[in-house]
Structures are given as structure tokens and as C-alpha cells.
Amino acid sequence: MFWLSRIIFLIVPVLQKDQKIQLPKNHYKMIIKDNNPGCIEAKVTSNLARRFDAKPGNCNSVGCKEYKGKYKVPFCCTVKGYGCNSSEN
């Protein structure tokens, strides 16, 4: 039994080295709420952002600067919402 625990102790770190560690970065997604254009952003990993079809960057880079509020998504992150002035576009 001792040798089995030694083998597992040696193999597990080798398997973990192949996995890349992803750090959370800002991602945004354009939305429409009450017929008004808007943008939401969150600090998430690229895998999670891909699930929601979010793009890397922030809402400020696409011209959405009017802060509307934030929402805590359970077991995920905090999402911030911004309004976009349609008169600028």
C-alpha cells in the first residue's frame, strides 16, 4: 500500500503541469434591455467567457460609459452593467 501512495504522489503533479492556469480577465457582452443598448462586463476566465459569447475587453472600449449597477452571480462573479448612448452612434 505504501508504494501505491508514492506512485500517486509522483504522478498527480506531472498530470497537473500539463493544465494551463487561466487568470480572470475583463470580458464584455453587448445587450439590449428595454429597447436600449447596453453592455455588461465581468472579470472571468476565457473558458467561462466563451460560454456566454463574451469578448475580451471592457464596456468603456465600445463607448458604453453610463454605469447602471452591478449584480452578483452566485458561484461565478460580479457583473457590472453600463448604458450606451445611442445618440453617439
Protein backbone atom coordinates (compact mmCIF):
# COMPACT_ATOMS: atom_id res chain seq x y z
CA MET A 1 0.00 0.00 0.00
CA PHE A 2 2.93 2.33 0.72
CA TRP A 3 4.25 2.05 -2.83
CA LEU A 4 0.83 2.84 -4.28
CA SER A 5 0.62 6.11 -2.38
CA ARG A 6 4.15 7.00 -3.55
CA ILE A 7 3.22 6.39 -7.19
CA ILE A 8 0.10 8.55 -6.89
CA PHE A 9 2.13 11.26 -5.16
CA LEU A 10 4.59 11.31 -8.08
CA ILE A 11 2.09 11.05 -10.96
CA VAL A 12 -0.51 13.63 -9.90
CA PRO A 13 1.81 16.69 -10.04
CA VAL A 14 3.02 15.62 -13.50
CA LEU A 15 -0.57 15.49 -14.78
CA GLN A 16 -1.33 18.89 -13.29
CA LYS A 17 1.64 20.55 -15.03
CA ASP A 18 0.02 19.99 -18.43
CA GLN A 19 -3.03 22.04 -17.46
CA LYS A 20 -2.70 25.75 -18.13
CA ILE A 21 -3.75 28.07 -15.35
CA GLN A 22 -6.16 30.71 -16.61
CA LEU A 23 -6.33 34.02 -14.83
CA PRO A 24 -9.56 36.01 -14.91
CA LYS A 25 -9.64 38.99 -17.28
CA ASN A 26 -12.31 41.54 -18.18
CA HIS A 27 -14.80 40.39 -20.78
CA TYR A 28 -17.88 42.21 -22.09
CA LYS A 29 -21.07 41.46 -23.97
CA MET A 30 -23.43 43.86 -25.72
CA ILE A 31 -27.09 43.51 -24.71
CA ILE A 32 -30.44 45.21 -25.30
CA LYS A 33 -32.61 45.94 -22.25
CA ASP A 34 -35.93 47.77 -22.54
CA ASN A 35 -35.10 48.57 -26.19
CA ASN A 36 -31.95 50.42 -25.09
CA PRO A 37 -28.44 49.27 -25.98
CA GLY A 38 -26.27 48.28 -23.07
CA CYS A 39 -23.17 46.39 -22.10
CA ILE A 40 -22.27 44.05 -19.28
CA GLU A 41 -18.76 43.18 -18.15
CA ALA A 42 -17.19 40.79 -15.68
CA LYS A 43 -13.78 39.53 -14.68
CA VAL A 44 -13.89 35.87 -15.75
CA THR A 45 -11.66 33.25 -17.37
CA SER A 46 -11.67 32.86 -21.13
CA ASN A 47 -13.43 29.47 -20.87
CA LEU A 48 -16.35 30.96 -18.96
CA ALA A 49 -16.48 33.97 -21.30
CA ARG A 50 -16.69 31.65 -24.29
CA ARG A 51 -19.82 30.03 -22.82
CA PHE A 52 -21.59 33.40 -22.81
CA ASP A 53 -20.11 34.58 -26.13
CA ALA A 54 -18.32 37.45 -24.39
CA LYS A 55 -15.38 39.31 -25.92
CA PRO A 56 -12.16 40.34 -24.16
CA GLY A 57 -12.08 44.00 -23.11
CA ASN A 58 -14.43 46.28 -21.25
CA CYS A 59 -17.57 48.29 -21.91
CA ASN A 60 -15.69 51.58 -21.95
CA SER A 61 -13.81 50.48 -25.07
CA VAL A 62 -17.06 50.17 -27.04
CA GLY A 63 -18.47 53.50 -25.86
CA CYS A 64 -20.71 52.38 -23.00
CA LYS A 65 -19.82 54.60 -20.06
CA GLU A 66 -23.06 55.22 -18.13
CA TYR A 67 -22.79 52.98 -15.04
CA LYS A 68 -26.11 51.30 -14.21
CA GLY A 69 -25.21 48.94 -11.38
CA LYS A 70 -23.77 45.56 -10.50
CA TYR A 71 -25.15 42.10 -9.89
CA LYS A 72 -23.55 39.19 -8.03
CA VAL A 73 -23.89 35.92 -9.94
CA PRO A 74 -23.74 33.01 -7.47
CA PHE A 75 -20.64 30.81 -7.75
CA CYS A 76 -19.28 32.99 -10.57
CA CYS A 77 -18.54 36.64 -10.42
CA THR A 78 -19.84 40.19 -10.15
CA VAL A 79 -21.30 41.60 -13.37
CA LYS A 80 -21.34 45.36 -13.96
CA GLY A 81 -23.86 46.96 -16.29
CA TYR A 82 -23.38 50.06 -18.42
CA GLY A 83 -25.71 52.01 -20.67
CA CYS A 84 -24.73 53.07 -24.16
CA ASN A 85 -25.81 56.44 -25.51
CA SER A 86 -27.39 55.66 -28.85
CA SER A 87 -27.03 59.35 -29.87
CA GLU A 88 -23.24 58.91 -30.09
CA ASN A 89 -23.52 56.02 -32.59
